[in-house]
Amino acid sequence: MVISVQTFRIKVGGGIKNGDLLQLAEGEFDLFITSDQNIRYQQNLTGRRIAILELSTNDLHCLQQAAELLAEAIATVGVNEFRQLTIP
């Protein structure tokens, strides 16, 4: 498995409207990871061709402490799946 990590802002630049965000990501990525807890309400997730992993925090220290949990979620999230991951 090859994993390439890029921040979306760096990949496509700024100024993207929320409605276009996932559509643009679908063409470039297999998995979209976000800590935006409102994404499922702000975006239409029906019929998406990208897996979405919603994290409960964006705190770097917490994410580092939960590295194994995060790696497992990344490895097992399914195509087109929306999954919430609670980071302790």
Protein backbone atom coordinates (compact mmCIF):
# COMPACT_ATOMS: atom_id res chain seq x y z
CA MET A 1 0.00 0.00 0.00
CA VAL A 2 1.31 3.44 -0.93
CA ILE A 3 0.22 6.35 1.19
CA SER A 4 0.65 9.90 0.03
CA VAL A 5 -0.33 12.66 2.42
CA GLN A 6 -0.96 16.20 1.26
CA THR A 7 -2.89 19.03 2.76
CA PHE A 8 -5.70 20.04 0.49
CA ARG A 9 -4.90 23.73 0.80
CA ILE A 10 -1.39 23.12 -0.55
CA LYS A 11 -2.65 20.80 -3.30
CA VAL A 12 -5.29 23.09 -4.82
CA GLY A 13 -4.70 26.50 -3.27
CA GLY A 14 -7.03 28.65 -1.18
CA GLY A 15 -10.39 30.14 -1.97
CA ILE A 16 -12.35 26.91 -2.43
CA LYS A 17 -16.04 27.11 -1.66
CA ASN A 18 -17.35 24.45 0.70
CA GLY A 19 -19.63 22.99 -1.97
CA ASP A 20 -16.67 22.25 -4.24
CA LEU A 21 -14.36 20.82 -1.61
CA LEU A 22 -15.25 17.12 -1.75
CA GLN A 23 -15.82 17.16 -5.49
CA LEU A 24 -12.27 18.38 -6.01
CA ALA A 25 -10.88 15.91 -3.47
CA GLU A 26 -12.61 12.96 -5.17
CA GLY A 27 -10.58 13.45 -8.31
CA GLU A 28 -7.25 13.34 -6.47
CA PHE A 29 -7.58 11.29 -3.28
CA ASP A 30 -9.00 8.01 -1.93
CA LEU A 31 -9.46 9.30 1.61
CA PHE A 32 -10.42 12.70 2.96
CA ILE A 33 -9.52 13.25 6.64
CA THR A 34 -11.06 16.20 8.44
CA SER A 35 -11.74 17.43 11.93
CA ASP A 36 -14.70 19.50 10.68
CA GLN A 37 -17.49 17.99 12.76
CA ASN A 38 -20.12 19.67 10.62
CA ILE A 39 -19.00 18.31 7.25
CA ARG A 40 -21.86 15.79 7.09
CA TYR A 41 -24.31 18.68 7.52
CA GLN A 42 -22.52 21.16 5.24
CA GLN A 43 -21.79 18.77 2.36
CA ASN A 44 -23.96 16.29 0.50
CA LEU A 45 -22.19 12.99 1.20
CA THR A 46 -24.63 10.83 -0.78
CA GLY A 47 -23.01 9.18 -3.77
CA ARG A 48 -19.49 10.35 -2.94
CA ARG A 49 -16.62 8.32 -4.41
CA ILE A 50 -14.22 9.11 -1.58
CA ALA A 51 -13.87 7.74 1.93
CA ILE A 52 -14.26 10.38 4.64
CA LEU A 53 -12.75 10.07 8.09
CA GLU A 54 -13.96 12.67 10.57
CA LEU A 55 -11.68 13.12 13.57
CA SER A 56 -12.98 14.34 16.92
CA THR A 57 -10.02 16.72 17.31
CA ASN A 58 -7.28 18.42 15.37
CA ASP A 59 -4.99 18.70 18.40
CA LEU A 60 -1.60 17.46 17.20
CA HIS A 61 -0.56 16.05 20.57
CA CYS A 62 -3.77 14.01 20.84
CA LEU A 63 -3.36 12.76 17.26
CA GLN A 64 0.22 11.71 17.93
CA GLN A 65 -0.85 9.83 21.05
CA ALA A 66 -3.55 8.05 19.03
CA ALA A 67 -1.31 7.18 16.07
CA GLU A 68 -2.11 3.45 16.16
CA LEU A 69 -5.85 4.10 16.37
CA LEU A 70 -5.62 6.55 13.49
CA ALA A 71 -3.52 4.16 11.37
CA GLU A 72 -6.05 1.36 11.93
CA ALA A 73 -8.94 3.60 10.90
CA ILE A 74 -7.09 4.69 7.76
CA ALA A 75 -6.31 1.09 6.83
CA THR A 76 -9.88 -0.14 7.33
CA VAL A 77 -12.12 2.69 6.16
CA GLY A 78 -14.07 1.56 3.12
CA VAL A 79 -14.54 3.19 -0.24
CA ASN A 80 -17.40 5.72 -0.08
CA GLU A 81 -17.60 5.26 3.71
CA PHE A 82 -18.13 8.09 6.16
CA ARG A 83 -16.63 7.23 9.53
CA GLN A 84 -16.27 9.21 12.73
CA LEU A 85 -13.20 8.53 14.87
CA THR A 86 -13.09 9.62 18.49
CA ILE A 87 -9.57 10.48 19.54
CA PRO A 88 -9.10 10.01 23.30
